[in-house]
Amino acid sequence: MLFAVHYLENNTPVLSQCLERIPEVDEDLKIKGRQGKVVNVVQIEECKYHVHVVLEKVNKKQALLKDDKKKRR
């Protein structure tokens, strides 16, 4: 039997999948290349589940500071 599993982060949909197995609380997973952990699993209907996850923060690199001391030609 397949279950419709909707992954949510801060009530924002991240991913929806049809799975044979429902993720468990405190299970580690990887969504879109980001590590995450299952916080809560809520059954909405017979075959529909909402899985609340916490994903790692994306560290954006700061742009290099521009060196304005050099003269332009």
Protein backbone atom coordinates (compact mmCIF):
# COMPACT_ATOMS: atom_id res chain seq x y z
CA MET A 1 0.00 0.00 0.00
CA LEU A 2 1.31 3.45 -0.91
CA PHE A 3 1.08 6.51 1.32
CA ALA A 4 1.12 10.14 0.21
CA VAL A 5 3.80 11.76 2.37
CA HIS A 6 4.13 15.55 2.39
CA TYR A 7 7.29 16.94 4.00
CA LEU A 8 6.85 20.37 5.62
CA GLU A 9 9.37 22.81 7.08
CA ASN A 10 7.77 25.67 9.05
CA ASN A 11 4.42 24.84 7.36
CA THR A 12 6.07 25.30 3.95
CA PRO A 13 5.88 22.28 1.64
CA VAL A 14 9.34 20.96 0.78
CA LEU A 15 8.62 17.63 -0.91
CA SER A 16 5.73 15.27 -1.63
CA GLN A 17 6.28 11.57 -2.25
CA CYS A 18 4.38 8.31 -2.54
CA LEU A 19 6.07 5.88 -0.18
CA GLU A 20 5.46 2.38 1.11
CA ARG A 21 6.95 3.23 4.51
CA ILE A 22 6.18 6.28 6.66
CA PRO A 23 9.21 8.02 8.24
CA GLU A 24 9.54 7.80 12.01
CA VAL A 25 10.15 10.61 14.52
CA ASP A 26 13.88 11.44 15.04
CA GLU A 27 14.77 9.72 11.76
CA ASP A 28 17.58 11.32 9.76
CA LEU A 29 16.88 12.01 6.09
CA LYS A 30 18.19 13.94 3.13
CA ILE A 31 15.91 16.20 1.07
CA LYS A 32 17.21 18.16 -1.92
CA GLY A 33 20.81 17.67 -0.79
CA ARG A 34 20.16 18.99 2.72
CA GLN A 35 20.39 16.91 5.89
CA GLY A 36 17.28 16.93 8.05
CA LYS A 37 15.53 15.30 10.98
CA VAL A 38 11.88 14.29 11.37
CA VAL A 39 10.20 16.22 14.20
CA ASN A 40 6.56 15.18 13.94
CA VAL A 41 4.33 12.88 11.84
CA VAL A 42 0.61 13.68 11.51
CA GLN A 43 -1.94 11.42 9.81
CA ILE A 44 -4.41 13.56 7.82
CA GLU A 45 -6.42 10.85 6.08
CA GLU A 46 -6.15 7.09 5.72
CA CYS A 47 -3.24 7.27 3.26
CA LYS A 48 -2.13 10.90 3.66
CA TYR A 49 0.58 12.03 6.11
CA HIS A 50 2.25 15.33 6.94
CA VAL A 51 5.85 14.96 8.11
CA HIS A 52 7.34 18.02 9.84
CA VAL A 53 11.11 18.24 9.37
CA VAL A 54 13.94 20.53 10.44
CA LEU A 55 16.55 20.97 7.71
CA GLU A 56 20.07 22.29 8.16
CA LYS A 57 20.61 25.93 7.36
CA VAL A 58 22.24 26.79 4.05
CA ASN A 59 25.44 28.76 4.59
CA LYS A 60 25.73 31.31 1.82
CA LYS A 61 29.22 32.54 1.11
CA GLN A 62 29.65 36.28 1.32
CA ALA A 63 30.69 38.02 -1.86
CA LEU A 64 34.33 38.95 -2.00
CA LEU A 65 35.00 42.54 -1.09
CA LYS A 66 35.74 44.62 -4.13
CA ASP A 67 39.20 46.20 -4.24
CA ASP A 68 38.54 49.77 -5.38
CA LYS A 69 42.13 50.86 -4.81
CA LYS A 70 43.25 49.68 -8.23
CA LYS A 71 42.77 52.07 -11.08
CA ARG A 72 40.62 51.07 -13.98
CA ARG A 73 41.99 51.35 -17.47
